Amino acid sequence: RKLMENLKVSGGILAPLKVGEEAFGILAVFGSELLSSAELSAMDSFAGQVSISLRNARLVQQVENELKERKQAEAALRASEAKIHALLDAVPDMMFMLDQDGVFLDYHVPTRNSLYASPETFLGKNIRDVLPREIVDVYLSKFEQIMQNGESQLFEYALDMEGGQYFYEAHIVAYRDNCSLCLVRDVTRRKNAEEAVRQTERHFKALIEKASDGISLIGP
């Protein structure tokens, strides 16, 4: 009534715009003539159609907002994954994820040529079925220590591969759900260099021991 007084109209009808318990507003029709029952029924039907249209429009807007948010989240995820892959590609180490039973779950390597076995051969397989027994025993011992005290473990091992013997340094850390993350670095060059130094030292030591007259070092 207050609204009709402000609008200076003598009569009209107010129809609620709602679907179920969801309200959208009020449909107001003003006029000087009284509305018949048929007109009231038509007005009520029209208000129902408007309500449904408003609800559908709101649902469409919600869907569009959800799609927009999902696209933004997917874009952020792709950017994050790209960043992670870039960081991993920059790391020279090989990475292997194993569960508590020693099954290979995932891996990352700079190049597949550095692998002892192909991914098709070791993924989903137990470490006992992939690597030599002596290496497996050391790994399992280190993994048990990780589970007990949570401290990372380090050990070295050698593998006979195509092209000769290769030396590796394995750094094992605890990962989620009782898994381990094993970072493996090829240290063959370092080991070969260390062995070359030892051989040189042994060679000069043998020369000195065999020299009958002694050896003098003369500097500038």
C-alpha atoms as a PDB file:
ATOM      1  CA  ARG A   1       0.000   0.000   0.000  1.00  0.00           C
ATOM      2  CA  LYS A   2       2.841   2.410   0.828  1.00  0.00           C
ATOM      3  CA  LEU A   3       4.348   1.726  -2.619  1.00  0.00           C
ATOM      4  CA  MET A   4       1.022   2.407  -4.366  1.00  0.00           C
ATOM      5  CA  GLU A   5       0.631   5.656  -2.442  1.00  0.00           C
ATOM      6  CA  ASN A   6       4.094   6.792  -3.479  1.00  0.00           C
ATOM      7  CA  LEU A   7       3.359   5.927  -7.111  1.00  0.00           C
ATOM      8  CA  LYS A   8      -0.094   7.561  -6.872  1.00  0.00           C
ATOM      9  CA  VAL A   9      -1.940   4.519  -8.197  1.00  0.00           C
ATOM     10  CA  SER A  10      -5.235   3.289  -6.873  1.00  0.00           C
ATOM     11  CA  GLY A  11      -4.828  -0.422  -7.453  1.00  0.00           C
ATOM     12  CA  GLY A  12      -2.525  -3.155  -8.585  1.00  0.00           C
ATOM     13  CA  ILE A  13      -1.193  -6.575  -7.856  1.00  0.00           C
ATOM     14  CA  LEU A  14       2.042  -7.833  -6.370  1.00  0.00           C
ATOM     15  CA  ALA A  15       3.199 -11.300  -7.371  1.00  0.00           C
ATOM     16  CA  PRO A  16       6.203 -12.928  -5.658  1.00  0.00           C
ATOM     17  CA  LEU A  17       8.961 -14.126  -7.964  1.00  0.00           C
ATOM     18  CA  LYS A  18      10.202 -17.388  -6.439  1.00  0.00           C
ATOM     19  CA  VAL A  19      10.932 -20.983  -7.284  1.00  0.00           C
ATOM     20  CA  GLY A  20      10.569 -23.259  -4.299  1.00  0.00           C
ATOM     21  CA  GLU A  21      12.261 -21.530  -1.386  1.00  0.00           C
ATOM     22  CA  GLU A  22      14.444 -19.373  -3.641  1.00  0.00           C
ATOM     23  CA  ALA A  23      13.106 -15.811  -3.969  1.00  0.00           C
ATOM     24  CA  PHE A  24      14.083 -13.397  -6.734  1.00  0.00           C
ATOM     25  CA  GLY A  25      11.888 -10.364  -6.051  1.00  0.00           C
ATOM     26  CA  ILE A  26       8.364  -9.111  -6.654  1.00  0.00           C
ATOM     27  CA  LEU A  27       6.461  -8.510  -9.866  1.00  0.00           C
ATOM     28  CA  ALA A  28       4.309  -5.405  -9.447  1.00  0.00           C
ATOM     29  CA  VAL A  29       1.497  -4.458 -11.852  1.00  0.00           C
ATOM     30  CA  PHE A  30      -0.452  -1.274 -11.143  1.00  0.00           C
ATOM     31  CA  GLY A  31      -3.631   0.061 -12.715  1.00  0.00           C
ATOM     32  CA  SER A  32      -6.817   1.856 -11.984  1.00  0.00           C
ATOM     33  CA  GLU A  33      -9.072  -0.997 -12.929  1.00  0.00           C
ATOM     34  CA  LEU A  34      -9.710  -4.107 -10.905  1.00  0.00           C
ATOM     35  CA  LEU A  35      -8.231  -7.272 -12.343  1.00  0.00           C
ATOM     36  CA  SER A  36     -10.485 -10.197 -13.078  1.00  0.00           C
ATOM     37  CA  SER A  37      -9.813 -13.692 -11.760  1.00  0.00           C
ATOM     38  CA  ALA A  38      -8.631 -14.748 -15.233  1.00  0.00           C
ATOM     39  CA  GLU A  39      -6.220 -11.850 -15.314  1.00  0.00           C
ATOM     40  CA  LEU A  40      -5.018 -12.717 -11.831  1.00  0.00           C
ATOM     41  CA  SER A  41      -4.421 -16.302 -12.912  1.00  0.00           C
ATOM     42  CA  ALA A  42      -2.563 -15.138 -16.010  1.00  0.00           C
ATOM     43  CA  MET A  43      -0.484 -12.787 -13.888  1.00  0.00           C
ATOM     44  CA  ASP A  44       0.387 -15.596 -11.481  1.00  0.00           C
ATOM     45  CA  SER A  45       1.406 -17.817 -14.400  1.00  0.00           C
ATOM     46  CA  PHE A  46       3.499 -15.031 -15.877  1.00  0.00           C
ATOM     47  CA  ALA A  47       5.209 -14.451 -12.526  1.00  0.00           C
ATOM     48  CA  GLY A  48       6.049 -18.158 -12.408  1.00  0.00           C
ATOM     49  CA  GLN A  49       7.612 -18.031 -15.866  1.00  0.00           C
ATOM     50  CA  VAL A  50       9.612 -14.949 -14.948  1.00  0.00           C
ATOM     51  CA  SER A  51      10.788 -16.669 -11.773  1.00  0.00           C
ATOM     52  CA  ILE A  52      11.971 -19.720 -13.720  1.00  0.00           C
ATOM     53  CA  SER A  53      13.757 -17.497 -16.229  1.00  0.00           C
ATOM     54  CA  LEU A  54      15.486 -15.606 -13.434  1.00  0.00           C
ATOM     55  CA  ARG A  55      16.522 -18.866 -11.784  1.00  0.00           C
ATOM     56  CA  ASN A  56      17.886 -20.239 -15.051  1.00  0.00           C
ATOM     57  CA  ALA A  57      19.793 -17.026 -15.654  1.00  0.00           C
ATOM     58  CA  ARG A  58      21.284 -17.265 -12.169  1.00  0.00           C
ATOM     59  CA  LEU A  59      22.243 -20.909 -12.748  1.00  0.00           C
ATOM     60  CA  VAL A  60      23.873 -20.030 -16.051  1.00  0.00           C
ATOM     61  CA  GLN A  61      25.840 -17.275 -14.356  1.00  0.00           C
ATOM     62  CA  GLN A  62      26.924 -19.673 -11.615  1.00  0.00           C
ATOM     63  CA  VAL A  63      28.052 -22.228 -14.181  1.00  0.00           C
ATOM     64  CA  GLU A  64      29.972 -19.571 -16.104  1.00  0.00           C
ATOM     65  CA  ASN A  65      31.657 -18.418 -12.895  1.00  0.00           C
ATOM     66  CA  GLU A  66      32.551 -22.001 -11.958  1.00  0.00           C
ATOM     67  CA  LEU A  67      33.958 -22.651 -15.433  1.00  0.00           C
ATOM     68  CA  LYS A  68      35.975 -19.452 -15.249  1.00  0.00           C
ATOM     69  CA  GLU A  69      37.353 -20.391 -11.835  1.00  0.00           C
ATOM     70  CA  ARG A  70      38.132 -23.905 -13.042  1.00  0.00           C
ATOM     71  CA  LYS A  71      39.973 -22.588 -16.094  1.00  0.00           C
ATOM     72  CA  GLN A  72      41.957 -20.236 -13.883  1.00  0.00           C
ATOM     73  CA  ALA A  73      42.801 -23.112 -11.514  1.00  0.00           C
ATOM     74  CA  GLU A  74      43.801 -25.352 -14.439  1.00  0.00           C
ATOM     75  CA  ALA A  75      45.976 -22.602 -15.890  1.00  0.00           C
ATOM     76  CA  ALA A  76      47.653 -22.102 -12.510  1.00  0.00           C
ATOM     77  CA  LEU A  77      48.173 -25.865 -12.212  1.00  0.00           C
ATOM     78  CA  ARG A  78      49.722 -26.069 -15.677  1.00  0.00           C
ATOM     79  CA  ALA A  79      52.019 -23.178 -14.851  1.00  0.00           C
ATOM     80  CA  SER A  80      53.027 -24.855 -11.594  1.00  0.00           C
ATOM     81  CA  GLU A  81      53.642 -28.189 -13.336  1.00  0.00           C
ATOM     82  CA  ALA A  82      55.702 -26.472 -16.038  1.00  0.00           C
ATOM     83  CA  LYS A  83      57.802 -24.801 -13.356  1.00  0.00           C
ATOM     84  CA  ILE A  84      58.334 -28.099 -11.550  1.00  0.00           C
ATOM     85  CA  HIS A  85      59.300 -29.864 -14.787  1.00  0.00           C
ATOM     86  CA  ALA A  86      61.722 -27.072 -15.623  1.00  0.00           C
ATOM     87  CA  LEU A  87      63.341 -27.383 -12.196  1.00  0.00           C
ATOM     88  CA  LEU A  88      63.545 -31.161 -12.510  1.00  0.00           C
ATOM     89  CA  ASP A  89      65.070 -30.916 -15.981  1.00  0.00           C
ATOM     90  CA  ALA A  90      67.739 -28.621 -14.558  1.00  0.00           C
ATOM     91  CA  VAL A  91      68.705 -31.223 -11.933  1.00  0.00           C
ATOM     92  CA  PRO A  92      71.334 -33.701 -13.175  1.00  0.00           C
ATOM     93  CA  ASP A  93      70.293 -36.354 -10.662  1.00  0.00           C
ATOM     94  CA  MET A  94      67.992 -39.266 -11.344  1.00  0.00           C
ATOM     95  CA  MET A  95      64.953 -39.478  -9.052  1.00  0.00           C
ATOM     96  CA  PHE A  96      62.976 -42.546  -8.049  1.00  0.00           C
ATOM     97  CA  MET A  97      59.922 -42.858  -5.811  1.00  0.00           C
ATOM     98  CA  LEU A  98      59.390 -46.189  -4.051  1.00  0.00           C
ATOM     99  CA  ASP A  99      56.674 -47.323  -1.665  1.00  0.00           C
ATOM    100  CA  GLN A 100      57.288 -48.978   1.700  1.00  0.00           C
ATOM    101  CA  ASP A 101      57.512 -52.396   0.046  1.00  0.00           C
ATOM    102  CA  GLY A 102      60.194 -51.257  -2.393  1.00  0.00           C
ATOM    103  CA  VAL A 103      57.984 -50.962  -5.475  1.00  0.00           C
ATOM    104  CA  PHE A 104      58.960 -48.304  -8.003  1.00  0.00           C
ATOM    105  CA  LEU A 105      56.076 -45.772  -8.276  1.00  0.00           C
ATOM    106  CA  ASP A 106      57.553 -42.974 -10.369  1.00  0.00           C
ATOM    107  CA  TYR A 107      60.832 -41.645 -11.717  1.00  0.00           C
ATOM    108  CA  HIS A 108      62.508 -38.693 -13.418  1.00  0.00           C
ATOM    109  CA  VAL A 109      65.815 -38.752 -15.299  1.00  0.00           C
ATOM    110  CA  PRO A 110      67.588 -36.181 -17.495  1.00  0.00           C
ATOM    111  CA  THR A 111      68.043 -38.867 -20.146  1.00  0.00           C
ATOM    112  CA  ARG A 112      66.842 -42.455 -20.406  1.00  0.00           C
ATOM    113  CA  ASN A 113      70.339 -43.530 -21.455  1.00  0.00           C
ATOM    114  CA  SER A 114      71.417 -43.197 -17.827  1.00  0.00           C
ATOM    115  CA  LEU A 115      68.926 -45.828 -16.632  1.00  0.00           C
ATOM    116  CA  TYR A 116      70.033 -49.300 -15.584  1.00  0.00           C
ATOM    117  CA  ALA A 117      66.720 -50.683 -16.896  1.00  0.00           C
ATOM    118  CA  SER A 118      63.947 -49.250 -19.050  1.00  0.00           C
ATOM    119  CA  PRO A 119      60.891 -47.719 -17.306  1.00  0.00           C
ATOM    120  CA  GLU A 120      58.734 -50.454 -18.825  1.00  0.00           C
ATOM    121  CA  THR A 121      60.914 -52.936 -16.983  1.00  0.00           C
ATOM    122  CA  PHE A 122      61.066 -51.418 -13.484  1.00  0.00           C
ATOM    123  CA  LEU A 123      57.929 -49.263 -12.985  1.00  0.00           C
ATOM    124  CA  GLY A 124      55.479 -51.152 -10.799  1.00  0.00           C
ATOM    125  CA  LYS A 125      58.140 -53.740  -9.996  1.00  0.00           C
ATOM    126  CA  ASN A 126      59.868 -54.425  -6.692  1.00  0.00           C
ATOM    127  CA  ILE A 127      63.446 -53.248  -6.320  1.00  0.00           C
ATOM    128  CA  ARG A 128      64.378 -56.866  -5.486  1.00  0.00           C
ATOM    129  CA  ASP A 129      63.433 -57.839  -9.044  1.00  0.00           C
ATOM    130  CA  VAL A 130      65.369 -54.997 -10.687  1.00  0.00           C
ATOM    131  CA  LEU A 131      68.704 -54.352  -8.992  1.00  0.00           C
ATOM    132  CA  PRO A 132      71.478 -56.694  -7.798  1.00  0.00           C
ATOM    133  CA  ARG A 133      71.016 -58.246  -4.356  1.00  0.00           C
ATOM    134  CA  GLU A 134      73.885 -56.407  -2.673  1.00  0.00           C
ATOM    135  CA  ILE A 135      72.462 -53.005  -3.669  1.00  0.00           C
ATOM    136  CA  VAL A 136      68.949 -54.002  -2.611  1.00  0.00           C
ATOM    137  CA  ASP A 137      70.168 -55.064   0.835  1.00  0.00           C
ATOM    138  CA  VAL A 138      71.886 -51.706   1.399  1.00  0.00           C
ATOM    139  CA  TYR A 139      68.819 -49.773   0.205  1.00  0.00           C
ATOM    140  CA  LEU A 140      66.434 -51.711   2.461  1.00  0.00           C
ATOM    141  CA  SER A 141      68.734 -51.155   5.435  1.00  0.00           C
ATOM    142  CA  LYS A 142      68.871 -47.406   4.732  1.00  0.00           C
ATOM    143  CA  PHE A 143      65.098 -47.238   4.211  1.00  0.00           C
ATOM    144  CA  GLU A 144      64.525 -48.896   7.583  1.00  0.00           C
ATOM    145  CA  GLN A 145      66.740 -46.296   9.246  1.00  0.00           C
ATOM    146  CA  ILE A 146      64.737 -43.512   7.577  1.00  0.00           C
ATOM    147  CA  MET A 147      61.475 -44.935   8.876  1.00  0.00           C
ATOM    148  CA  GLN A 148      62.922 -45.193  12.377  1.00  0.00           C
ATOM    149  CA  ASN A 149      64.543 -41.787  12.829  1.00  0.00           C
ATOM    150  CA  GLY A 150      63.378 -39.737   9.831  1.00  0.00           C
ATOM    151  CA  GLU A 151      66.938 -38.797   8.870  1.00  0.00           C
ATOM    152  CA  SER A 152      68.081 -38.935   5.258  1.00  0.00           C
ATOM    153  CA  GLN A 153      70.559 -41.640   4.286  1.00  0.00           C
ATOM    154  CA  LEU A 154      73.455 -41.749   1.828  1.00  0.00           C
ATOM    155  CA  PHE A 155      75.263 -44.658   0.232  1.00  0.00           C
ATOM    156  CA  GLU A 156      77.350 -45.436  -2.838  1.00  0.00           C
ATOM    157  CA  TYR A 157      77.172 -48.390  -5.186  1.00  0.00           C
ATOM    158  CA  ALA A 158      78.460 -49.590  -8.547  1.00  0.00           C
ATOM    159  CA  LEU A 159      76.651 -51.138 -11.525  1.00  0.00           C
ATOM    160  CA  ASP A 160      78.041 -53.045 -14.466  1.00  0.00           C
ATOM    161  CA  MET A 161      76.358 -51.580 -17.513  1.00  0.00           C
ATOM    162  CA  GLU A 162      76.936 -51.375 -21.218  1.00  0.00           C
ATOM    163  CA  GLY A 163      80.137 -49.412 -21.637  1.00  0.00           C
ATOM    164  CA  GLY A 164      81.723 -50.488 -18.365  1.00  0.00           C
ATOM    165  CA  GLN A 165      81.281 -50.035 -14.643  1.00  0.00           C
ATOM    166  CA  TYR A 166      79.457 -46.964 -13.347  1.00  0.00           C
ATOM    167  CA  PHE A 167      79.490 -45.539  -9.835  1.00  0.00           C
ATOM    168  CA  TYR A 168      76.538 -43.843  -8.153  1.00  0.00           C
ATOM    169  CA  GLU A 169      75.752 -41.895  -5.005  1.00  0.00           C
ATOM    170  CA  ALA A 170      72.236 -42.423  -3.658  1.00  0.00           C
ATOM    171  CA  HIS A 171      70.564 -39.952  -1.294  1.00  0.00           C
ATOM    172  CA  ILE A 172      67.354 -41.331   0.252  1.00  0.00           C
ATOM    173  CA  VAL A 173      64.749 -39.205   2.060  1.00  0.00           C
ATOM    174  CA  ALA A 174      61.367 -40.022   3.561  1.00  0.00           C
ATOM    175  CA  TYR A 175      58.371 -39.112   1.443  1.00  0.00           C
ATOM    176  CA  ARG A 176      54.609 -39.070   2.000  1.00  0.00           C
ATOM    177  CA  ASP A 177      52.649 -42.217   2.932  1.00  0.00           C
ATOM    178  CA  ASN A 178      55.737 -44.150   4.078  1.00  0.00           C
ATOM    179  CA  CYS A 179      57.384 -43.817   0.684  1.00  0.00           C
ATOM    180  CA  SER A 180      60.955 -42.889  -0.132  1.00  0.00           C
ATOM    181  CA  LEU A 181      62.432 -40.492  -2.640  1.00  0.00           C
ATOM    182  CA  CYS A 182      65.806 -41.650  -3.917  1.00  0.00           C
ATOM    183  CA  LEU A 183      68.082 -39.124  -5.647  1.00  0.00           C
ATOM    184  CA  VAL A 184      70.850 -40.862  -7.572  1.00  0.00           C
ATOM    185  CA  ARG A 185      73.907 -39.063  -8.968  1.00  0.00           C
ATOM    186  CA  ASP A 186      76.394 -40.514 -11.419  1.00  0.00           C
ATOM    187  CA  VAL A 187      79.820 -40.090  -9.780  1.00  0.00           C
ATOM    188  CA  THR A 188      81.753 -42.252 -12.236  1.00  0.00           C
ATOM    189  CA  ARG A 189      84.003 -39.399 -13.384  1.00  0.00           C
ATOM    190  CA  ARG A 190      84.849 -38.477  -9.815  1.00  0.00           C
ATOM    191  CA  LYS A 191      85.586 -42.088  -8.913  1.00  0.00           C
ATOM    192  CA  ASN A 192      87.755 -42.573 -12.006  1.00  0.00           C
ATOM    193  CA  ALA A 193      89.644 -39.362 -11.223  1.00  0.00           C
ATOM    194  CA  GLU A 194      90.202 -40.486  -7.629  1.00  0.00           C
ATOM    195  CA  GLU A 195      91.433 -43.865  -8.844  1.00  0.00           C
ATOM    196  CA  ALA A 196      93.776 -42.165 -11.340  1.00  0.00           C
ATOM    197  CA  VAL A 197      95.272 -40.115  -8.488  1.00  0.00           C
ATOM    198  CA  ARG A 198      95.741 -43.249  -6.384  1.00  0.00           C
ATOM    199  CA  GLN A 199      97.429 -45.068  -9.262  1.00  0.00           C
ATOM    200  CA  THR A 200      99.767 -42.122  -9.807  1.00  0.00           C
ATOM    201  CA  GLU A 201     100.626 -42.079  -6.121  1.00  0.00           C
ATOM    202  CA  ARG A 202     101.289 -45.802  -6.131  1.00  0.00           C
ATOM    203  CA  HIS A 203     103.440 -45.455  -9.252  1.00  0.00           C
ATOM    204  CA  PHE A 204     105.666 -42.729  -7.759  1.00  0.00           C
ATOM    205  CA  LYS A 205     105.852 -44.583  -4.454  1.00  0.00           C
ATOM    206  CA  ALA A 206     107.079 -47.688  -6.287  1.00  0.00           C
ATOM    207  CA  LEU A 207     109.706 -45.647  -8.177  1.00  0.00           C
ATOM    208  CA  ILE A 208     110.983 -44.103  -4.957  1.00  0.00           C
ATOM    209  CA  GLU A 209     111.175 -47.452  -3.207  1.00  0.00           C
ATOM    210  CA  LYS A 210     113.125 -48.985  -6.140  1.00  0.00           C
ATOM    211  CA  ALA A 211     115.542 -46.056  -6.551  1.00  0.00           C
ATOM    212  CA  SER A 212     118.990 -47.120  -5.255  1.00  0.00           C
ATOM    213  CA  ASP A 213     120.636 -43.703  -5.330  1.00  0.00           C
ATOM    214  CA  GLY A 214     117.656 -41.691  -4.022  1.00  0.00           C
ATOM    215  CA  ILE A 215     115.574 -38.982  -5.661  1.00  0.00           C
ATOM    216  CA  SER A 216     115.924 -35.230  -5.210  1.00  0.00           C
ATOM    217  CA  LEU A 217     113.353 -32.581  -5.981  1.00  0.00           C
ATOM    218  CA  ILE A 218     114.931 -29.362  -7.294  1.00  0.00           C
ATOM    219  CA  GLY A 219     112.798 -26.258  -7.469  1.00  0.00           C
ATOM    220  CA  PRO A 220     113.362 -23.038  -9.411  1.00  0.00           C
END
